[in-house]
Amino acid sequence: MASGPQIGSPAPDFTLPGGILTDGTFDRSDYTLSAARGRSVVLAFYPGDNTTVCTKQLCSYSSGFETFEGLDADVWGISPQGVDSHESFARGHGLRMPLLADTGRETARAYGVTAPGIGVRRSVFLIGPDGVLRWKHVALLGATFQSIDTLAEQLSGIATA
């Protein structure tokens, strides 16, 4: 496994296609990390749409959406499935964050989270409003995920830094 970016270094920039479910409409667009400067961004890499742990993770983050908003942070889910799969996943579970399609796994490689067999390791990167990586967690097995409380605690530290 590649190490990916180090804490305190600029987060690798990327542009990925994706979409967000808003009031029953799945709005598709490109998402560029550097365009989100000024707000913290939680990048949640996950192996696959509609899998058991991924569904629990993203539903948890979606239900805690107001917590992230209160900390001036956006949450972006990133996996290797295409935008059509993401739309179905978002609609099926009422997910309220953008889901981005890293079909070639270039972004996962830049962040050091590609894995044989599953494609992408479950991982979370917290990017500060200045585009600097402030915290990360990369799972070896991916059977669990980082809780909203853990992410909120880490984001609170970014906001006061």
N, C-alpha and C. Protein backbone atom coordinates (compact mmCIF):
# COMPACT_ATOMS: atom_id res chain seq x y z
N MET A 1 0.85 -1.18 0.00
CA MET A 1 0.00 0.00 0.00
C MET A 1 0.89 1.24 0.00
N ALA A 2 0.64 2.15 -0.92
CA ALA A 2 1.37 3.41 -0.96
C ALA A 2 0.98 4.25 0.25
N SER A 3 1.88 5.11 0.68
CA SER A 3 1.61 5.87 1.90
C SER A 3 0.65 7.02 1.67
N GLY A 4 0.60 7.57 0.48
CA GLY A 4 -0.29 8.70 0.22
C GLY A 4 0.24 9.97 0.86
N PRO A 5 -0.55 11.02 0.88
CA PRO A 5 -0.11 12.32 1.42
C PRO A 5 0.10 12.24 2.93
N GLN A 6 1.03 13.04 3.40
CA GLN A 6 1.33 13.09 4.83
C GLN A 6 0.58 14.25 5.48
N ILE A 7 0.25 14.09 6.74
CA ILE A 7 -0.42 15.15 7.48
C ILE A 7 0.47 16.39 7.48
N GLY A 8 -0.15 17.53 7.20
CA GLY A 8 0.57 18.79 7.12
C GLY A 8 1.01 19.15 5.72
N SER A 9 0.80 18.23 4.77
CA SER A 9 1.16 18.51 3.38
C SER A 9 -0.10 18.86 2.58
N PRO A 10 0.06 19.54 1.44
CA PRO A 10 -1.11 19.83 0.61
C PRO A 10 -1.78 18.54 0.15
N ALA A 11 -3.09 18.51 0.22
CA ALA A 11 -3.84 17.34 -0.26
C ALA A 11 -3.76 17.29 -1.78
N PRO A 12 -3.57 16.11 -2.35
CA PRO A 12 -3.56 16.01 -3.81
C PRO A 12 -4.88 16.51 -4.40
N ASP A 13 -4.77 17.41 -5.36
CA ASP A 13 -5.98 17.95 -5.99
C ASP A 13 -6.52 16.93 -6.99
N PHE A 14 -7.79 17.01 -7.27
CA PHE A 14 -8.42 16.12 -8.25
C PHE A 14 -9.73 16.74 -8.72
N THR A 15 -10.19 16.25 -9.85
CA THR A 15 -11.53 16.55 -10.34
C THR A 15 -12.16 15.21 -10.71
N LEU A 16 -13.33 14.94 -10.15
CA LEU A 16 -14.05 13.70 -10.41
C LEU A 16 -15.51 14.01 -10.73
N PRO A 17 -16.10 13.19 -11.60
CA PRO A 17 -17.55 13.33 -11.84
C PRO A 17 -18.31 12.77 -10.64
N GLY A 18 -19.46 13.33 -10.40
CA GLY A 18 -20.26 12.83 -9.30
C GLY A 18 -21.63 13.46 -9.31
N GLY A 19 -22.32 13.31 -8.20
CA GLY A 19 -23.64 13.91 -8.09
C GLY A 19 -24.10 13.91 -6.66
N ILE A 20 -25.13 14.72 -6.43
CA ILE A 20 -25.72 14.84 -5.10
C ILE A 20 -27.24 14.83 -5.23
N LEU A 21 -27.87 14.10 -4.32
CA LEU A 21 -29.32 14.00 -4.29
C LEU A 21 -29.87 15.17 -3.48
N THR A 22 -30.67 16.02 -4.14
CA THR A 22 -31.27 17.18 -3.49
C THR A 22 -32.74 17.24 -3.88
N ASP A 23 -33.60 17.15 -2.88
CA ASP A 23 -35.05 17.23 -3.12
C ASP A 23 -35.51 16.31 -4.25
N GLY A 24 -35.01 15.09 -4.24
CA GLY A 24 -35.45 14.09 -5.22
C GLY A 24 -34.75 14.16 -6.57
N THR A 25 -33.90 15.14 -6.77
CA THR A 25 -33.17 15.27 -8.04
C THR A 25 -31.71 14.95 -7.80
N PHE A 26 -31.13 14.12 -8.66
CA PHE A 26 -29.70 13.80 -8.55
C PHE A 26 -28.97 14.72 -9.51
N ASP A 27 -28.34 15.75 -8.95
CA ASP A 27 -27.64 16.75 -9.74
C ASP A 27 -26.21 16.29 -9.99
N ARG A 28 -25.88 16.09 -11.27
CA ARG A 28 -24.54 15.64 -11.65
C ARG A 28 -23.65 16.83 -12.00
N SER A 29 -22.39 16.74 -11.57
CA SER A 29 -21.41 17.75 -11.94
C SER A 29 -20.02 17.21 -11.63
N ASP A 30 -19.01 17.99 -11.96
CA ASP A 30 -17.64 17.64 -11.61
C ASP A 30 -17.31 18.29 -10.28
N TYR A 31 -16.55 17.59 -9.46
CA TYR A 31 -16.12 18.08 -8.16
C TYR A 31 -14.60 18.19 -8.16
N THR A 32 -14.10 19.39 -7.84
CA THR A 32 -12.67 19.65 -7.80
C THR A 32 -12.31 20.06 -6.37
N LEU A 33 -11.36 19.35 -5.79
CA LEU A 33 -11.01 19.61 -4.40
C LEU A 33 -10.56 21.05 -4.18
N SER A 34 -9.70 21.57 -5.05
CA SER A 34 -9.19 22.94 -4.85
C SER A 34 -10.31 23.99 -4.92
N ALA A 35 -11.41 23.67 -5.58
CA ALA A 35 -12.53 24.61 -5.66
C ALA A 35 -13.30 24.69 -4.34
N ALA A 36 -13.03 23.76 -3.41
CA ALA A 36 -13.72 23.75 -2.12
C ALA A 36 -12.95 24.51 -1.05
N ARG A 37 -11.87 25.18 -1.43
CA ARG A 37 -11.08 25.92 -0.44
C ARG A 37 -11.97 26.91 0.30
N GLY A 38 -11.66 27.10 1.57
CA GLY A 38 -12.48 27.97 2.41
C GLY A 38 -13.36 27.17 3.34
N ARG A 39 -13.56 25.88 3.03
CA ARG A 39 -14.31 24.97 3.90
C ARG A 39 -13.48 23.72 4.08
N SER A 40 -13.66 23.04 5.21
CA SER A 40 -13.02 21.75 5.38
C SER A 40 -13.76 20.73 4.51
N VAL A 41 -13.03 19.71 4.06
CA VAL A 41 -13.65 18.65 3.27
C VAL A 41 -13.27 17.30 3.89
N VAL A 42 -14.27 16.47 4.10
CA VAL A 42 -14.07 15.10 4.56
C VAL A 42 -14.16 14.22 3.32
N LEU A 43 -13.03 13.60 2.96
CA LEU A 43 -13.03 12.66 1.84
C LEU A 43 -13.19 11.27 2.42
N ALA A 44 -14.30 10.62 2.10
CA ALA A 44 -14.58 9.28 2.61
C ALA A 44 -14.47 8.30 1.45
N PHE A 45 -13.32 7.63 1.33
CA PHE A 45 -13.14 6.60 0.31
C PHE A 45 -13.80 5.33 0.81
N TYR A 46 -14.57 4.67 -0.06
CA TYR A 46 -15.24 3.43 0.33
C TYR A 46 -15.22 2.45 -0.83
N PRO A 47 -15.18 1.14 -0.53
CA PRO A 47 -15.03 0.14 -1.60
C PRO A 47 -16.20 0.04 -2.57
N GLY A 48 -17.46 0.15 -2.10
CA GLY A 48 -18.53 -0.07 -3.06
C GLY A 48 -19.91 0.36 -2.63
N ASP A 49 -20.68 0.83 -3.60
CA ASP A 49 -22.08 1.18 -3.38
C ASP A 49 -22.87 -0.07 -2.98
N ASN A 50 -23.81 0.12 -2.08
CA ASN A 50 -24.76 -0.92 -1.68
C ASN A 50 -24.11 -2.15 -1.06
N THR A 51 -22.93 -1.99 -0.48
CA THR A 51 -22.34 -3.08 0.30
C THR A 51 -22.65 -2.78 1.76
N THR A 52 -22.63 -3.80 2.60
CA THR A 52 -23.12 -3.66 3.97
C THR A 52 -22.43 -2.55 4.76
N VAL A 53 -21.11 -2.61 4.90
CA VAL A 53 -20.41 -1.63 5.74
C VAL A 53 -20.43 -0.24 5.09
N CYS A 54 -20.27 -0.19 3.77
CA CYS A 54 -20.29 1.11 3.08
C CYS A 54 -21.65 1.79 3.25
N THR A 55 -22.71 1.01 3.16
CA THR A 55 -24.05 1.57 3.33
C THR A 55 -24.21 2.12 4.75
N LYS A 56 -23.78 1.35 5.75
CA LYS A 56 -23.87 1.83 7.14
C LYS A 56 -23.06 3.11 7.32
N GLN A 57 -21.84 3.14 6.75
CA GLN A 57 -20.97 4.30 6.90
C GLN A 57 -21.61 5.54 6.28
N LEU A 58 -22.02 5.45 5.03
CA LEU A 58 -22.53 6.64 4.34
C LEU A 58 -23.90 7.06 4.88
N CYS A 59 -24.71 6.11 5.30
CA CYS A 59 -25.99 6.48 5.94
C CYS A 59 -25.72 7.20 7.26
N SER A 60 -24.71 6.75 8.01
CA SER A 60 -24.34 7.42 9.25
C SER A 60 -23.90 8.85 8.98
N TYR A 61 -23.03 9.05 8.00
CA TYR A 61 -22.55 10.39 7.68
C TYR A 61 -23.68 11.27 7.16
N SER A 62 -24.58 10.67 6.38
CA SER A 62 -25.71 11.45 5.85
C SER A 62 -26.65 11.87 6.97
N SER A 63 -26.91 10.96 7.92
CA SER A 63 -27.81 11.32 9.03
C SER A 63 -27.16 12.34 9.96
N GLY A 64 -25.84 12.44 9.94
CA GLY A 64 -25.14 13.43 10.75
C GLY A 64 -24.74 14.66 9.98
N PHE A 65 -25.41 14.87 8.87
CA PHE A 65 -25.08 15.97 7.95
C PHE A 65 -25.00 17.32 8.66
N GLU A 66 -25.94 17.57 9.57
CA GLU A 66 -25.97 18.85 10.28
C GLU A 66 -24.73 19.05 11.16
N THR A 67 -24.19 17.95 11.69
CA THR A 67 -22.96 18.04 12.49
C THR A 67 -21.83 18.57 11.62
N PHE A 68 -21.69 18.02 10.42
CA PHE A 68 -20.63 18.47 9.52
C PHE A 68 -20.86 19.92 9.08
N GLU A 69 -22.11 20.24 8.76
CA GLU A 69 -22.45 21.62 8.37
C GLU A 69 -22.08 22.61 9.48
N GLY A 70 -22.37 22.23 10.72
CA GLY A 70 -22.07 23.08 11.85
C GLY A 70 -20.57 23.32 12.04
N LEU A 71 -19.76 22.42 11.50
CA LEU A 71 -18.31 22.56 11.57
C LEU A 71 -17.73 23.11 10.27
N ASP A 72 -18.61 23.65 9.42
CA ASP A 72 -18.20 24.25 8.14
C ASP A 72 -17.42 23.26 7.28
N ALA A 73 -17.96 22.04 7.21
CA ALA A 73 -17.28 20.98 6.45
C ALA A 73 -18.24 20.30 5.47
N ASP A 74 -17.70 19.94 4.33
CA ASP A 74 -18.42 19.14 3.34
C ASP A 74 -17.93 17.70 3.43
N VAL A 75 -18.80 16.75 3.13
CA VAL A 75 -18.42 15.34 3.08
C VAL A 75 -18.60 14.87 1.64
N TRP A 76 -17.55 14.28 1.09
CA TRP A 76 -17.61 13.71 -0.26
C TRP A 76 -17.29 12.22 -0.16
N GLY A 77 -18.20 11.38 -0.64
CA GLY A 77 -17.93 9.94 -0.73
C GLY A 77 -17.27 9.65 -2.07
N ILE A 78 -16.24 8.80 -2.06
CA ILE A 78 -15.51 8.47 -3.29
C ILE A 78 -15.34 6.96 -3.38
N SER A 79 -15.76 6.39 -4.51
CA SER A 79 -15.57 4.95 -4.74
C SER A 79 -15.38 4.71 -6.24
N PRO A 80 -14.99 3.49 -6.62
CA PRO A 80 -14.71 3.20 -8.03
C PRO A 80 -15.95 3.03 -8.92
N GLN A 81 -17.15 2.99 -8.35
CA GLN A 81 -18.34 2.80 -9.19
C GLN A 81 -18.64 4.08 -9.97
N GLY A 82 -19.39 3.93 -11.05
CA GLY A 82 -19.75 5.06 -11.89
C GLY A 82 -20.86 5.90 -11.28
N VAL A 83 -21.13 7.03 -11.91
CA VAL A 83 -22.12 7.98 -11.41
C VAL A 83 -23.53 7.37 -11.42
N ASP A 84 -23.85 6.53 -12.40
CA ASP A 84 -25.18 5.88 -12.42
C ASP A 84 -25.37 5.02 -11.17
N SER A 85 -24.34 4.26 -10.80
CA SER A 85 -24.40 3.44 -9.59
C SER A 85 -24.58 4.33 -8.35
N HIS A 86 -23.84 5.45 -8.32
CA HIS A 86 -23.95 6.38 -7.19
C HIS A 86 -25.36 6.96 -7.09
N GLU A 87 -25.96 7.27 -8.22
CA GLU A 87 -27.33 7.80 -8.19
C GLU A 87 -28.29 6.79 -7.58
N SER A 88 -28.18 5.55 -8.01
CA SER A 88 -29.04 4.49 -7.47
C SER A 88 -28.81 4.32 -5.97
N PHE A 89 -27.55 4.33 -5.55
CA PHE A 89 -27.18 4.20 -4.13
C PHE A 89 -27.74 5.37 -3.32
N ALA A 90 -27.56 6.59 -3.81
CA ALA A 90 -28.05 7.78 -3.10
C ALA A 90 -29.57 7.75 -2.98
N ARG A 91 -30.25 7.41 -4.07
CA ARG A 91 -31.71 7.36 -4.05
C ARG A 91 -32.22 6.26 -3.12
N GLY A 92 -31.56 5.11 -3.15
CA GLY A 92 -31.98 3.97 -2.34
C GLY A 92 -31.87 4.21 -0.84
N HIS A 93 -30.95 5.10 -0.46
CA HIS A 93 -30.70 5.31 0.97
C HIS A 93 -30.85 6.77 1.41
N GLY A 94 -31.29 7.63 0.49
CA GLY A 94 -31.50 9.04 0.84
C GLY A 94 -30.21 9.75 1.26
N LEU A 95 -29.10 9.40 0.63
CA LEU A 95 -27.81 9.99 0.99
C LEU A 95 -27.75 11.44 0.56
N ARG A 96 -27.25 12.30 1.45
CA ARG A 96 -27.28 13.74 1.21
C ARG A 96 -25.92 14.36 0.88
N MET A 97 -24.91 13.55 0.65
CA MET A 97 -23.60 14.11 0.31
C MET A 97 -23.25 13.74 -1.13
N PRO A 98 -22.35 14.51 -1.76
CA PRO A 98 -21.93 14.14 -3.11
C PRO A 98 -21.22 12.79 -3.10
N LEU A 99 -21.52 11.98 -4.10
CA LEU A 99 -20.82 10.71 -4.32
C LEU A 99 -20.04 10.84 -5.61
N LEU A 100 -18.73 10.63 -5.52
CA LEU A 100 -17.84 10.85 -6.66
C LEU A 100 -17.35 9.53 -7.23
N ALA A 101 -17.21 9.50 -8.56
CA ALA A 101 -16.83 8.29 -9.28
C ALA A 101 -15.35 8.33 -9.65
N ASP A 102 -14.56 7.51 -8.98
CA ASP A 102 -13.12 7.37 -9.26
C ASP A 102 -12.92 6.05 -9.99
N THR A 103 -13.54 5.95 -11.18
CA THR A 103 -13.58 4.66 -11.89
C THR A 103 -12.19 4.14 -12.28
N GLY A 104 -11.26 5.01 -12.54
CA GLY A 104 -9.90 4.58 -12.88
C GLY A 104 -9.00 4.48 -11.67
N ARG A 105 -9.53 4.80 -10.51
CA ARG A 105 -8.81 4.76 -9.22
C ARG A 105 -7.58 5.67 -9.17
N GLU A 106 -7.52 6.69 -10.03
CA GLU A 106 -6.38 7.61 -10.01
C GLU A 106 -6.32 8.40 -8.70
N THR A 107 -7.48 8.85 -8.23
CA THR A 107 -7.51 9.62 -6.98
C THR A 107 -7.18 8.70 -5.80
N ALA A 108 -7.72 7.50 -5.79
CA ALA A 108 -7.39 6.54 -4.73
C ALA A 108 -5.89 6.26 -4.71
N ARG A 109 -5.27 6.15 -5.88
CA ARG A 109 -3.81 5.95 -5.93
C ARG A 109 -3.07 7.16 -5.36
N ALA A 110 -3.52 8.37 -5.72
CA ALA A 110 -2.87 9.59 -5.22
C ALA A 110 -2.94 9.68 -3.70
N TYR A 111 -3.99 9.11 -3.12
CA TYR A 111 -4.15 9.14 -1.67
C TYR A 111 -3.63 7.86 -1.01
N GLY A 112 -3.08 6.95 -1.80
CA GLY A 112 -2.46 5.74 -1.26
C GLY A 112 -3.44 4.73 -0.69
N VAL A 113 -4.66 4.67 -1.24
CA VAL A 113 -5.67 3.79 -0.66
C VAL A 113 -6.19 2.71 -1.62
N THR A 114 -5.44 2.42 -2.70
CA THR A 114 -5.84 1.31 -3.55
C THR A 114 -5.47 0.01 -2.84
N ALA A 115 -6.24 -1.04 -3.11
CA ALA A 115 -5.99 -2.33 -2.46
C ALA A 115 -6.36 -3.46 -3.41
N PRO A 116 -5.54 -4.51 -3.46
CA PRO A 116 -5.88 -5.64 -4.31
C PRO A 116 -7.16 -6.30 -3.83
N GLY A 117 -7.95 -6.77 -4.76
CA GLY A 117 -9.19 -7.47 -4.41
C GLY A 117 -10.37 -6.53 -4.24
N ILE A 118 -10.30 -5.62 -3.26
CA ILE A 118 -11.43 -4.73 -3.00
C ILE A 118 -11.35 -3.44 -3.80
N GLY A 119 -10.19 -3.12 -4.34
CA GLY A 119 -10.04 -1.92 -5.15
C GLY A 119 -9.64 -0.69 -4.37
N VAL A 120 -10.39 -0.36 -3.32
CA VAL A 120 -10.14 0.84 -2.53
C VAL A 120 -10.30 0.51 -1.05
N ARG A 121 -9.33 0.95 -0.25
CA ARG A 121 -9.43 0.76 1.20
C ARG A 121 -10.36 1.82 1.80
N ARG A 122 -11.17 1.38 2.77
CA ARG A 122 -12.03 2.33 3.48
C ARG A 122 -11.11 3.30 4.22
N SER A 123 -11.26 4.58 3.95
CA SER A 123 -10.39 5.56 4.55
C SER A 123 -11.04 6.93 4.57
N VAL A 124 -10.56 7.77 5.48
CA VAL A 124 -11.09 9.11 5.61
C VAL A 124 -9.93 10.08 5.71
N PHE A 125 -10.02 11.16 4.93
CA PHE A 125 -9.02 12.23 4.94
C PHE A 125 -9.74 13.53 5.26
N LEU A 126 -9.24 14.27 6.24
CA LEU A 126 -9.81 15.58 6.56
C LEU A 126 -8.89 16.65 6.00
N ILE A 127 -9.43 17.43 5.08
CA ILE A 127 -8.69 18.48 4.41
C ILE A 127 -9.14 19.81 5.01
N GLY A 128 -8.18 20.62 5.47
CA GLY A 128 -8.51 21.91 6.05
C GLY A 128 -8.95 22.90 4.98
N PRO A 129 -9.51 24.03 5.39
CA PRO A 129 -9.98 25.04 4.44
C PRO A 129 -8.85 25.60 3.57
N ASP A 130 -7.61 25.39 3.99
CA ASP A 130 -6.44 25.84 3.23
C ASP A 130 -5.92 24.79 2.26
N GLY A 131 -6.60 23.64 2.17
CA GLY A 131 -6.19 22.58 1.25
C GLY A 131 -5.11 21.67 1.79
N VAL A 132 -4.82 21.78 3.10
CA VAL A 132 -3.78 20.96 3.73
C VAL A 132 -4.43 19.77 4.43
N LEU A 133 -3.80 18.60 4.30
CA LEU A 133 -4.28 17.40 4.97
C LEU A 133 -4.05 17.54 6.47
N ARG A 134 -5.13 17.45 7.25
CA ARG A 134 -5.04 17.65 8.70
C ARG A 134 -5.14 16.36 9.50
N TRP A 135 -5.80 15.32 8.94
CA TRP A 135 -5.98 14.06 9.66
C TRP A 135 -6.35 13.00 8.65
N LYS A 136 -5.96 11.75 8.93
CA LYS A 136 -6.38 10.66 8.05
C LYS A 136 -6.46 9.36 8.84
N HIS A 137 -7.30 8.48 8.33
CA HIS A 137 -7.40 7.12 8.86
C HIS A 137 -7.60 6.19 7.66
N VAL A 138 -6.70 5.23 7.52
CA VAL A 138 -6.78 4.25 6.44
C VAL A 138 -6.93 2.88 7.09
N ALA A 139 -8.04 2.21 6.80
CA ALA A 139 -8.32 0.91 7.40
C ALA A 139 -7.55 -0.19 6.67
N LEU A 140 -7.05 -1.15 7.44
CA LEU A 140 -6.38 -2.29 6.83
C LEU A 140 -7.40 -3.28 6.29
N LEU A 141 -8.46 -3.55 7.06
CA LEU A 141 -9.47 -4.50 6.63
C LEU A 141 -10.76 -3.83 6.19
N GLY A 142 -11.12 -2.72 6.80
CA GLY A 142 -12.29 -1.98 6.36
C GLY A 142 -13.62 -2.50 6.85
N ALA A 143 -13.63 -3.33 7.91
CA ALA A 143 -14.89 -3.86 8.42
C ALA A 143 -15.60 -2.86 9.33
N THR A 144 -14.91 -1.80 9.72
CA THR A 144 -15.51 -0.75 10.53
C THR A 144 -15.20 0.60 9.87
N PHE A 145 -15.79 1.65 10.41
CA PHE A 145 -15.54 2.98 9.84
C PHE A 145 -15.45 4.00 10.97
N GLN A 146 -14.88 5.15 10.65
CA GLN A 146 -14.73 6.22 11.63
C GLN A 146 -16.09 6.85 11.90
N SER A 147 -16.41 7.03 13.18
CA SER A 147 -17.72 7.56 13.57
C SER A 147 -17.80 9.07 13.34
N ILE A 148 -19.02 9.56 13.31
CA ILE A 148 -19.23 11.00 13.19
C ILE A 148 -18.59 11.72 14.37
N ASP A 149 -18.69 11.14 15.57
CA ASP A 149 -18.10 11.78 16.75
C ASP A 149 -16.59 11.94 16.58
N THR A 150 -15.92 10.91 16.09
CA THR A 150 -14.47 11.00 15.87
C THR A 150 -14.15 12.07 14.84
N LEU A 151 -14.90 12.08 13.75
CA LEU A 151 -14.65 13.07 12.69
C LEU A 151 -14.95 14.48 13.19
N ALA A 152 -16.03 14.64 13.95
CA ALA A 152 -16.39 15.96 14.48
C ALA A 152 -15.31 16.46 15.43
N GLU A 153 -14.77 15.57 16.25
CA GLU A 153 -13.69 15.97 17.17
C GLU A 153 -12.47 16.44 16.39
N GLN A 154 -12.11 15.71 15.34
CA GLN A 154 -10.96 16.09 14.53
C GLN A 154 -11.23 17.41 13.77
N LEU A 155 -12.44 17.55 13.25
CA LEU A 155 -12.80 18.78 12.54
C LEU A 155 -12.82 19.98 13.48
N SER A 156 -13.24 19.78 14.72
CA SER A 156 -13.24 20.87 15.69
C SER A 156 -11.82 21.39 15.88
N GLY A 157 -10.86 20.48 15.89
CA GLY A 157 -9.46 20.87 16.02
C GLY A 157 -8.99 21.68 14.83
N ILE A 158 -9.48 21.35 13.65
CA ILE A 158 -9.11 22.11 12.44
C ILE A 158 -9.68 23.52 12.53
N ALA A 159 -10.93 23.60 12.96
CA ALA A 159 -11.62 24.89 13.00
C ALA A 159 -10.95 25.86 13.96
N THR A 160 -10.35 25.33 15.03
CA THR A 160 -9.73 26.21 16.01
C THR A 160 -8.24 26.40 15.76
N ALA A 161 -7.68 25.67 14.80
CA ALA A 161 -6.24 25.76 14.54
C ALA A 161 -5.89 27.09 13.87
